[in-house]
């Protein structure tokens, strides 16, 4: 089973947000998060979606509730984030013919 966390939020300015996001990698790694995709909305380049693989969803949830993350997001102009916690437990796929 693989766990995922998806976060979607706006940023005031991507060029300011991205370097600060990159600097915060140690905190994400400590929370067991591995970035898989960083995406920008096609209609609004300041709307960001990030897909992470998560070692443990409880650790991922703790990370999203941390004061550190809240302070960093506020400092770099992040809008109200939406967090989604997912897994692929008990999903089977059919082979294409």
PDB file of N, CA and C in Angstrom:
ATOM      1  N   UNK A   1       0.849  -1.177   0.000  1.00  0.00           N
ATOM      2  CA  UNK A   1       0.000   0.000   0.000  1.00  0.00           C
ATOM      3  C   UNK A   1       0.896   1.242   0.000  1.00  0.00           C
ATOM      4  N   UNK A   2       0.544   2.178  -0.823  1.00  0.00           N
ATOM      5  CA  UNK A   2       1.277   3.440  -0.883  1.00  0.00           C
ATOM      6  C   UNK A   2       0.361   4.552  -0.406  1.00  0.00           C
ATOM      7  N   UNK A   3       0.916   5.446   0.409  1.00  0.00           N
ATOM      8  CA  UNK A   3       0.179   6.599   0.924  1.00  0.00           C
ATOM      9  C   UNK A   3       0.597   7.852   0.178  1.00  0.00           C
ATOM     10  N   UNK A   4      -0.357   8.761   0.052  1.00  0.00           N
ATOM     11  CA  UNK A   4      -0.092  10.025  -0.625  1.00  0.00           C
ATOM     12  C   UNK A   4      -0.694  11.180   0.152  1.00  0.00           C
ATOM     13  N   UNK A   5      -0.057  12.328   0.037  1.00  0.00           N
ATOM     14  CA  UNK A   5      -0.634  13.575   0.507  1.00  0.00           C
ATOM     15  C   UNK A   5      -0.615  14.539  -0.675  1.00  0.00           C
ATOM     16  N   UNK A   6      -1.739  15.184  -0.889  1.00  0.00           N
ATOM     17  CA  UNK A   6      -1.829  16.209  -1.924  1.00  0.00           C
ATOM     18  C   UNK A   6      -2.145  17.525  -1.232  1.00  0.00           C
ATOM     19  N   UNK A   7      -1.439  18.545  -1.622  1.00  0.00           N
ATOM     20  CA  UNK A   7      -1.708  19.886  -1.108  1.00  0.00           C
ATOM     21  C   UNK A   7      -1.965  20.801  -2.298  1.00  0.00           C
ATOM     22  N   UNK A   8      -2.976  21.637  -2.155  1.00  0.00           N
ATOM     23  CA  UNK A   8      -3.315  22.607  -3.197  1.00  0.00           C
ATOM     24  C   UNK A   8      -3.505  23.954  -2.519  1.00  0.00           C
ATOM     25  N   UNK A   9      -2.847  24.962  -3.060  1.00  0.00           N
ATOM     26  CA  UNK A   9      -2.959  26.308  -2.500  1.00  0.00           C
ATOM     27  C   UNK A   9      -2.492  27.338  -3.518  1.00  0.00           C
ATOM     28  N   UNK A  10      -2.881  28.562  -3.281  1.00  0.00           N
ATOM     29  CA  UNK A  10      -2.403  29.666  -4.106  1.00  0.00           C
ATOM     30  C   UNK A  10      -1.148  30.254  -3.470  1.00  0.00           C
ATOM     31  N   UNK A  11      -0.372  30.942  -4.280  1.00  0.00           N
ATOM     32  CA  UNK A  11       0.776  31.694  -3.790  1.00  0.00           C
ATOM     33  C   UNK A  11       0.682  33.101  -4.371  1.00  0.00           C
ATOM     34  N   UNK A  12       1.200  34.060  -3.633  1.00  0.00           N
ATOM     35  CA  UNK A  12       1.179  35.438  -4.137  1.00  0.00           C
ATOM     36  C   UNK A  12       2.074  35.592  -5.356  1.00  0.00           C
ATOM     37  N   UNK A  13       3.242  34.934  -5.305  1.00  0.00           N
ATOM     38  CA  UNK A  13       4.224  35.066  -6.381  1.00  0.00           C
ATOM     39  C   UNK A  13       5.057  33.788  -6.424  1.00  0.00           C
ATOM     40  N   UNK A  14       4.895  33.007  -7.494  1.00  0.00           N
ATOM     41  CA  UNK A  14       5.599  31.733  -7.608  1.00  0.00           C
ATOM     42  C   UNK A  14       7.111  31.911  -7.487  1.00  0.00           C
ATOM     43  N   UNK A  15       7.648  32.982  -8.071  1.00  0.00           N
ATOM     44  CA  UNK A  15       9.105  33.186  -8.056  1.00  0.00           C
ATOM     45  C   UNK A  15       9.637  33.458  -6.649  1.00  0.00           C
ATOM     46  N   UNK A  16       8.804  33.914  -5.747  1.00  0.00           N
ATOM     47  CA  UNK A  16       9.187  34.086  -4.341  1.00  0.00           C
ATOM     48  C   UNK A  16       8.953  32.783  -3.578  1.00  0.00           C
ATOM     49  N   UNK A  17       7.830  32.145  -3.859  1.00  0.00           N
ATOM     50  CA  UNK A  17       7.442  30.929  -3.150  1.00  0.00           C
ATOM     51  C   UNK A  17       8.404  29.766  -3.400  1.00  0.00           C
ATOM     52  N   UNK A  18       8.793  29.530  -4.638  1.00  0.00           N
ATOM     53  CA  UNK A  18       9.549  28.321  -4.998  1.00  0.00           C
ATOM     54  C   UNK A  18      10.886  28.198  -4.263  1.00  0.00           C
ATOM     55  N   UNK A  19      11.714  29.244  -4.201  1.00  0.00           N
ATOM     56  CA  UNK A  19      12.975  29.089  -3.452  1.00  0.00           C
ATOM     57  C   UNK A  19      12.743  28.795  -1.965  1.00  0.00           C
ATOM     58  N   UNK A  20      11.734  29.407  -1.369  1.00  0.00           N
ATOM     59  CA  UNK A  20      11.437  29.152   0.043  1.00  0.00           C
ATOM     60  C   UNK A  20      10.920  27.726   0.228  1.00  0.00           C
ATOM     61  N   UNK A  21      10.103  27.258  -0.697  1.00  0.00           N
ATOM     62  CA  UNK A  21       9.626  25.869  -0.676  1.00  0.00           C
ATOM     63  C   UNK A  21      10.822  24.918  -0.748  1.00  0.00           C
ATOM     64  N   UNK A  22      11.750  25.179  -1.642  1.00  0.00           N
ATOM     65  CA  UNK A  22      12.927  24.328  -1.790  1.00  0.00           C
ATOM     66  C   UNK A  22      13.766  24.285  -0.512  1.00  0.00           C
ATOM     67  N   UNK A  23      13.855  25.405   0.180  1.00  0.00           N
ATOM     68  CA  UNK A  23      14.635  25.470   1.421  1.00  0.00           C
ATOM     69  C   UNK A  23      14.003  24.668   2.554  1.00  0.00           C
ATOM     70  N   UNK A  24      12.732  24.354   2.442  1.00  0.00           N
ATOM     71  CA  UNK A  24      11.992  23.662   3.502  1.00  0.00           C
ATOM     72  C   UNK A  24      12.025  22.139   3.316  1.00  0.00           C
ATOM     73  N   UNK A  25      12.873  21.644   2.427  1.00  0.00           N
ATOM     74  CA  UNK A  25      12.905  20.214   2.100  1.00  0.00           C
ATOM     75  C   UNK A  25      13.228  19.339   3.308  1.00  0.00           C
ATOM     76  N   UNK A  26      14.099  19.788   4.186  1.00  0.00           N
ATOM     77  CA  UNK A  26      14.481  18.985   5.348  1.00  0.00           C
ATOM     78  C   UNK A  26      13.274  18.684   6.226  1.00  0.00           C
ATOM     79  N   UNK A  27      12.404  19.667   6.410  1.00  0.00           N
ATOM     80  CA  UNK A  27      11.199  19.456   7.225  1.00  0.00           C
ATOM     81  C   UNK A  27      10.277  18.438   6.557  1.00  0.00           C
ATOM     82  N   UNK A  28      10.141  18.526   5.239  1.00  0.00           N
ATOM     83  CA  UNK A  28       9.291  17.561   4.528  1.00  0.00           C
ATOM     84  C   UNK A  28       9.880  16.154   4.625  1.00  0.00           C
ATOM     85  N   UNK A  29      11.169  16.042   4.438  1.00  0.00           N
ATOM     86  CA  UNK A  29      11.823  14.733   4.536  1.00  0.00           C
ATOM     87  C   UNK A  29      11.694  14.153   5.948  1.00  0.00           C
ATOM     88  N   UNK A  30      11.813  14.996   6.964  1.00  0.00           N
ATOM     89  CA  UNK A  30      11.658  14.537   8.348  1.00  0.00           C
ATOM     90  C   UNK A  30      10.250  14.021   8.614  1.00  0.00           C
ATOM     91  N   UNK A  31       9.281  14.554   7.877  1.00  0.00           N
ATOM     92  CA  UNK A  31       7.887  14.110   8.008  1.00  0.00           C
ATOM     93  C   UNK A  31       7.605  12.881   7.149  1.00  0.00           C
ATOM     94  N   UNK A  32       8.621  12.377   6.450  1.00  0.00           N
ATOM     95  CA  UNK A  32       8.448  11.195   5.621  1.00  0.00           C
ATOM     96  C   UNK A  32       7.779  11.467   4.295  1.00  0.00           C
ATOM     97  N   UNK A  33       7.878  12.715   3.811  1.00  0.00           N
ATOM     98  CA  UNK A  33       7.244  13.099   2.556  1.00  0.00           C
ATOM     99  C   UNK A  33       8.273  13.169   1.431  1.00  0.00           C
ATOM    100  N   UNK A  34       7.932  12.589   0.297  1.00  0.00           N
ATOM    101  CA  UNK A  34       8.764  12.642  -0.895  1.00  0.00           C
ATOM    102  C   UNK A  34       7.944  13.260  -2.012  1.00  0.00           C
ATOM    103  N   UNK A  35       8.411  14.386  -2.522  1.00  0.00           N
ATOM    104  CA  UNK A  35       7.684  15.051  -3.607  1.00  0.00           C
ATOM    105  C   UNK A  35       7.710  14.182  -4.857  1.00  0.00           C
ATOM    106  N   UNK A  36       6.540  13.968  -5.439  1.00  0.00           N
ATOM    107  CA  UNK A  36       6.422  13.223  -6.685  1.00  0.00           C
ATOM    108  C   UNK A  36       6.106  14.149  -7.852  1.00  0.00           C
ATOM    109  N   UNK A  37       5.247  15.134  -7.619  1.00  0.00           N
ATOM    110  CA  UNK A  37       4.884  16.080  -8.676  1.00  0.00           C
ATOM    111  C   UNK A  37       4.593  17.438  -8.066  1.00  0.00           C
ATOM    112  N   UNK A  38       5.133  18.477  -8.678  1.00  0.00           N
ATOM    113  CA  UNK A  38       4.800  19.854  -8.343  1.00  0.00           C
ATOM    114  C   UNK A  38       4.181  20.443  -9.609  1.00  0.00           C
ATOM    115  N   UNK A  39       2.933  20.861  -9.513  1.00  0.00           N
ATOM    116  CA  UNK A  39       2.168  21.282 -10.683  1.00  0.00           C
ATOM    117  C   UNK A  39       1.642  22.699 -10.522  1.00  0.00           C
ATOM    118  N   UNK A  40       1.559  23.415 -11.641  1.00  0.00           N
ATOM    119  CA  UNK A  40       0.969  24.753 -11.667  1.00  0.00           C
ATOM    120  C   UNK A  40      -0.284  24.698 -12.531  1.00  0.00           C
ATOM    121  N   UNK A  41      -1.323  25.358 -12.077  1.00  0.00           N
ATOM    122  CA  UNK A  41      -2.586  25.400 -12.804  1.00  0.00           C
ATOM    123  C   UNK A  41      -2.380  26.060 -14.164  1.00  0.00           C
ATOM    124  N   UNK A  42      -3.011  25.543 -15.190  1.00  0.00           N
ATOM    125  CA  UNK A  42      -2.849  26.103 -16.536  1.00  0.00           C
ATOM    126  C   UNK A  42      -3.513  27.465 -16.687  1.00  0.00           C
ATOM    127  N   UNK A  43      -4.511  27.760 -15.869  1.00  0.00           N
ATOM    128  CA  UNK A  43      -5.199  29.048 -15.951  1.00  0.00           C
ATOM    129  C   UNK A  43      -4.685  30.072 -14.945  1.00  0.00           C
ATOM    130  N   UNK A  44      -3.961  29.610 -13.936  1.00  0.00           N
ATOM    131  CA  UNK A  44      -3.444  30.494 -12.890  1.00  0.00           C
ATOM    132  C   UNK A  44      -2.114  29.922 -12.405  1.00  0.00           C
ATOM    133  N   UNK A  45      -1.015  30.470 -12.884  1.00  0.00           N
ATOM    134  CA  UNK A  45       0.313  29.946 -12.565  1.00  0.00           C
ATOM    135  C   UNK A  45       0.677  30.086 -11.095  1.00  0.00           C
ATOM    136  N   UNK A  46      -0.107  30.826 -10.332  1.00  0.00           N
ATOM    137  CA  UNK A  46       0.131  30.955  -8.897  1.00  0.00           C
ATOM    138  C   UNK A  46      -0.753  30.024  -8.074  1.00  0.00           C
ATOM    139  N   UNK A  47      -1.425  29.086  -8.735  1.00  0.00           N
ATOM    140  CA  UNK A  47      -2.181  28.032  -8.044  1.00  0.00           C
ATOM    141  C   UNK A  47      -1.359  26.751  -8.166  1.00  0.00           C
ATOM    142  N   UNK A  48      -0.972  26.202  -7.017  1.00  0.00           N
ATOM    143  CA  UNK A  48      -0.015  25.105  -6.946  1.00  0.00           C
ATOM    144  C   UNK A  48      -0.684  23.842  -6.417  1.00  0.00           C
ATOM    145  N   UNK A  49      -0.344  22.709  -7.004  1.00  0.00           N
ATOM    146  CA  UNK A  49      -0.727  21.399  -6.482  1.00  0.00           C
ATOM    147  C   UNK A  49       0.547  20.571  -6.365  1.00  0.00           C
ATOM    148  N   UNK A  50       0.727  19.969  -5.189  1.00  0.00           N
ATOM    149  CA  UNK A  50       1.915  19.141  -4.962  1.00  0.00           C
ATOM    150  C   UNK A  50       1.447  17.764  -4.505  1.00  0.00           C
ATOM    151  N   UNK A  51       1.987  16.739  -5.130  1.00  0.00           N
ATOM    152  CA  UNK A  51       1.677  15.363  -4.769  1.00  0.00           C
ATOM    153  C   UNK A  51       2.911  14.755  -4.119  1.00  0.00           C
ATOM    154  N   UNK A  52       2.722  14.271  -2.902  1.00  0.00           N
ATOM    155  CA  UNK A  52       3.794  13.640  -2.141  1.00  0.00           C
ATOM    156  C   UNK A  52       3.471  12.183  -1.902  1.00  0.00           C
ATOM    157  N   UNK A  53       4.493  11.350  -1.890  1.00  0.00           N
ATOM    158  CA  UNK A  53       4.355  10.012  -1.333  1.00  0.00           C
ATOM    159  C   UNK A  53       4.660  10.162   0.155  1.00  0.00           C
ATOM    160  N   UNK A  54       3.851   9.534   0.988  1.00  0.00           N
ATOM    161  CA  UNK A  54       3.995   9.680   2.440  1.00  0.00           C
ATOM    162  C   UNK A  54       4.306   8.334   3.075  1.00  0.00           C
ATOM    163  N   UNK A  55       5.383   8.276   3.855  1.00  0.00           N
ATOM    164  CA  UNK A  55       5.723   7.038   4.556  1.00  0.00           C
ATOM    165  C   UNK A  55       4.638   6.664   5.556  1.00  0.00           C
ATOM    166  N   UNK A  56       4.067   7.677   6.215  1.00  0.00           N
ATOM    167  CA  UNK A  56       3.080   7.456   7.267  1.00  0.00           C
ATOM    168  C   UNK A  56       2.093   8.635   7.236  1.00  0.00           C
ATOM    169  N   UNK A  57       0.811   8.338   7.075  1.00  0.00           N
ATOM    170  CA  UNK A  57      -0.168   9.426   6.963  1.00  0.00           C
ATOM    171  C   UNK A  57      -0.317  10.217   8.259  1.00  0.00           C
ATOM    172  N   UNK A  58      -0.112   9.574   9.403  1.00  0.00           N
ATOM    173  CA  UNK A  58      -0.187  10.323  10.661  1.00  0.00           C
ATOM    174  C   UNK A  58       0.934  11.347  10.762  1.00  0.00           C
ATOM    175  N   UNK A  59       2.138  10.964  10.338  1.00  0.00           N
ATOM    176  CA  UNK A  59       3.251  11.925  10.320  1.00  0.00           C
ATOM    177  C   UNK A  59       2.984  13.044   9.333  1.00  0.00           C
ATOM    178  N   UNK A  60       2.395  12.712   8.199  1.00  0.00           N
ATOM    179  CA  UNK A  60       2.051  13.736   7.205  1.00  0.00           C
ATOM    180  C   UNK A  60       1.029  14.707   7.783  1.00  0.00           C
ATOM    181  N   UNK A  61       0.036  14.189   8.482  1.00  0.00           N
ATOM    182  CA  UNK A  61      -0.982  15.049   9.099  1.00  0.00           C
ATOM    183  C   UNK A  61      -0.361  15.934  10.172  1.00  0.00           C
ATOM    184  N   UNK A  62       0.537  15.365  10.960  1.00  0.00           N
ATOM    185  CA  UNK A  62       1.230  16.171  11.981  1.00  0.00           C
ATOM    186  C   UNK A  62       2.002  17.309  11.323  1.00  0.00           C
ATOM    187  N   UNK A  63       2.653  17.016  10.214  1.00  0.00           N
ATOM    188  CA  UNK A  63       3.398  18.045   9.481  1.00  0.00           C
ATOM    189  C   UNK A  63       2.471  19.175   9.041  1.00  0.00           C
ATOM    190  N   UNK A  64       1.300  18.834   8.517  1.00  0.00           N
ATOM    191  CA  UNK A  64       0.385  19.877   8.028  1.00  0.00           C
ATOM    192  C   UNK A  64      -0.155  20.741   9.156  1.00  0.00           C
ATOM    193  N   UNK A  65      -0.143  20.208  10.370  1.00  0.00           N
ATOM    194  CA  UNK A  65      -0.635  20.964  11.526  1.00  0.00           C
ATOM    195  C   UNK A  65       0.478  21.648  12.308  1.00  0.00           C
ATOM    196  N   UNK A  66       1.709  21.561  11.819  1.00  0.00           N
ATOM    197  CA  UNK A  66       2.839  22.099  12.574  1.00  0.00           C
ATOM    198  C   UNK A  66       2.894  23.625  12.512  1.00  0.00           C
ATOM    199  N   UNK A  67       3.355  24.187  13.593  1.00  0.00           N
ATOM    200  CA  UNK A  67       3.539  25.643  13.673  1.00  0.00           C
ATOM    201  C   UNK A  67       4.593  26.093  12.673  1.00  0.00           C
ATOM    202  N   UNK A  68       5.632  25.278  12.484  1.00  0.00           N
ATOM    203  CA  UNK A  68       6.692  25.604  11.529  1.00  0.00           C
ATOM    204  C   UNK A  68       6.122  25.793  10.126  1.00  0.00           C
ATOM    205  N   UNK A  69       5.319  24.837   9.677  1.00  0.00           N
ATOM    206  CA  UNK A  69       4.738  24.949   8.337  1.00  0.00           C
ATOM    207  C   UNK A  69       3.827  26.169   8.239  1.00  0.00           C
ATOM    208  N   UNK A  70       3.022  26.378   9.248  1.00  0.00           N
ATOM    209  CA  UNK A  70       2.116  27.529   9.257  1.00  0.00           C
ATOM    210  C   UNK A  70       2.889  28.850   9.140  1.00  0.00           C
ATOM    211  N   UNK A  71       3.976  28.967   9.891  1.00  0.00           N
ATOM    212  CA  UNK A  71       4.776  30.197   9.855  1.00  0.00           C
ATOM    213  C   UNK A  71       5.433  30.398   8.494  1.00  0.00           C
ATOM    214  N   UNK A  72       6.002  29.338   7.947  1.00  0.00           N
ATOM    215  CA  UNK A  72       6.664  29.443   6.642  1.00  0.00           C
ATOM    216  C   UNK A  72       5.645  29.824   5.566  1.00  0.00           C
ATOM    217  N   UNK A  73       4.495  29.177   5.571  1.00  0.00           N
ATOM    218  CA  UNK A  73       3.480  29.462   4.551  1.00  0.00           C
ATOM    219  C   UNK A  73       3.010  30.920   4.637  1.00  0.00           C
ATOM    220  N   UNK A  74       2.806  31.393   5.838  1.00  0.00           N
ATOM    221  CA  UNK A  74       2.374  32.777   6.010  1.00  0.00           C
ATOM    222  C   UNK A  74       3.453  33.748   5.527  1.00  0.00           C
ATOM    223  N   UNK A  75       4.695  33.453   5.853  1.00  0.00           N
ATOM    224  CA  UNK A  75       5.821  34.314   5.498  1.00  0.00           C
ATOM    225  C   UNK A  75       6.006  34.431   3.987  1.00  0.00           C
ATOM    226  N   UNK A  76       5.726  33.348   3.243  1.00  0.00           N
ATOM    227  CA  UNK A  76       6.003  33.368   1.804  1.00  0.00           C
ATOM    228  C   UNK A  76       4.750  33.554   0.940  1.00  0.00           C
ATOM    229  N   UNK A  77       3.645  33.937   1.560  1.00  0.00           N
ATOM    230  CA  UNK A  77       2.479  34.318   0.782  1.00  0.00           C
ATOM    231  C   UNK A  77       1.623  33.190   0.247  1.00  0.00           C
ATOM    232  N   UNK A  78       1.449  32.148   1.062  1.00  0.00           N
ATOM    233  CA  UNK A  78       0.597  31.025   0.660  1.00  0.00           C
ATOM    234  C   UNK A  78      -0.832  31.278   1.120  1.00  0.00           C
ATOM    235  N   UNK A  79      -1.781  31.049   0.206  1.00  0.00           N
ATOM    236  CA  UNK A  79      -3.195  31.139   0.562  1.00  0.00           C
ATOM    237  C   UNK A  79      -3.616  29.934   1.377  1.00  0.00           C
ATOM    238  N   UNK A  80      -4.876  29.893   1.784  1.00  0.00           N
ATOM    239  CA  UNK A  80      -5.383  28.789   2.599  1.00  0.00           C
ATOM    240  C   UNK A  80      -5.207  27.465   1.851  1.00  0.00           C
ATOM    241  N   UNK A  81      -4.438  26.543   2.440  1.00  0.00           N
ATOM    242  CA  UNK A  81      -4.178  25.277   1.756  1.00  0.00           C
ATOM    243  C   UNK A  81      -5.310  24.270   1.938  1.00  0.00           C
ATOM    244  N   UNK A  82      -5.423  23.374   0.972  1.00  0.00           N
ATOM    245  CA  UNK A  82      -6.298  22.206   1.072  1.00  0.00           C
ATOM    246  C   UNK A  82      -5.383  20.990   1.081  1.00  0.00           C
ATOM    247  N   UNK A  83      -5.582  20.111   2.059  1.00  0.00           N
ATOM    248  CA  UNK A  83      -4.782  18.903   2.180  1.00  0.00           C
ATOM    249  C   UNK A  83      -5.669  17.684   1.939  1.00  0.00           C
ATOM    250  N   UNK A  84      -5.125  16.704   1.220  1.00  0.00           N
ATOM    251  CA  UNK A  84      -5.821  15.451   0.965  1.00  0.00           C
ATOM    252  C   UNK A  84      -4.876  14.311   1.310  1.00  0.00           C
ATOM    253  N   UNK A  85      -5.392  13.323   2.019  1.00  0.00           N
ATOM    254  CA  UNK A  85      -4.599  12.166   2.430  1.00  0.00           C
ATOM    255  C   UNK A  85      -5.226  10.930   1.793  1.00  0.00           C
ATOM    256  N   UNK A  86      -4.427  10.204   1.005  1.00  0.00           N
ATOM    257  CA  UNK A  86      -4.944   9.121   0.181  1.00  0.00           C
ATOM    258  C   UNK A  86      -4.051   7.893   0.270  1.00  0.00           C
ATOM    259  N   UNK A  87      -4.604   6.744  -0.097  1.00  0.00           N
ATOM    260  CA  UNK A  87      -3.777   5.557  -0.281  1.00  0.00           C
ATOM    261  C   UNK A  87      -4.393   4.692  -1.368  1.00  0.00           C
ATOM    262  N   UNK A  88      -3.629   3.735  -1.818  1.00  0.00           N
ATOM    263  CA  UNK A  88      -4.100   2.845  -2.866  1.00  0.00           C
ATOM    264  C   UNK A  88      -4.413   1.460  -2.308  1.00  0.00           C
ATOM    265  N   UNK A  89      -4.819   1.410  -1.059  1.00  0.00           N
ATOM    266  CA  UNK A  89      -5.156   0.165  -0.390  1.00  0.00           C
ATOM    267  C   UNK A  89      -6.324  -0.537  -1.091  1.00  0.00           C
ATOM    268  N   UNK A  90      -6.156  -1.809  -1.378  1.00  0.00           N
ATOM    269  CA  UNK A  90      -7.213  -2.648  -1.962  1.00  0.00           C
ATOM    270  C   UNK A  90      -7.691  -2.178  -3.335  1.00  0.00           C
ATOM    271  N   UNK A  91      -6.817  -1.594  -4.091  1.00  0.00           N
ATOM    272  CA  UNK A  91      -7.170  -1.194  -5.456  1.00  0.00           C
ATOM    273  C   UNK A  91      -6.487  -2.161  -6.412  1.00  0.00           C
ATOM    274  N   UNK A  92      -7.263  -2.701  -7.307  1.00  0.00           N
ATOM    275  CA  UNK A  92      -6.699  -3.546  -8.341  1.00  0.00           C
ATOM    276  C   UNK A  92      -6.983  -2.913  -9.686  1.00  0.00           C
ATOM    277  N   UNK A  93      -6.115  -3.142 -10.613  1.00  0.00           N
ATOM    278  CA  UNK A  93      -6.312  -2.595 -11.948  1.00  0.00           C
ATOM    279  C   UNK A  93      -6.398  -3.737 -12.944  1.00  0.00           C
ATOM    280  N   UNK A  94      -7.192  -3.544 -13.970  1.00  0.00           N
ATOM    281  CA  UNK A  94      -7.317  -4.540 -15.021  1.00  0.00           C
ATOM    282  C   UNK A  94      -6.239  -4.303 -16.059  1.00  0.00           C
ATOM    283  N   UNK A  95      -5.708  -5.347 -16.592  1.00  0.00           N
ATOM    284  CA  UNK A  95      -4.728  -5.221 -17.681  1.00  0.00           C
ATOM    285  C   UNK A  95      -5.450  -4.837 -18.952  1.00  0.00           C
ATOM    286  N   UNK A  96      -4.904  -3.870 -19.657  1.00  0.00           N
ATOM    287  CA  UNK A  96      -5.502  -3.466 -20.928  1.00  0.00           C
ATOM    288  C   UNK A  96      -5.282  -4.573 -21.955  1.00  0.00           C
ATOM    289  N   UNK A  97      -6.285  -4.811 -22.751  1.00  0.00           N
ATOM    290  CA  UNK A  97      -6.199  -5.872 -23.768  1.00  0.00           C
ATOM    291  C   UNK A  97      -5.465  -5.374 -24.988  1.00  0.00           C
TER     292      UNK A  97
END
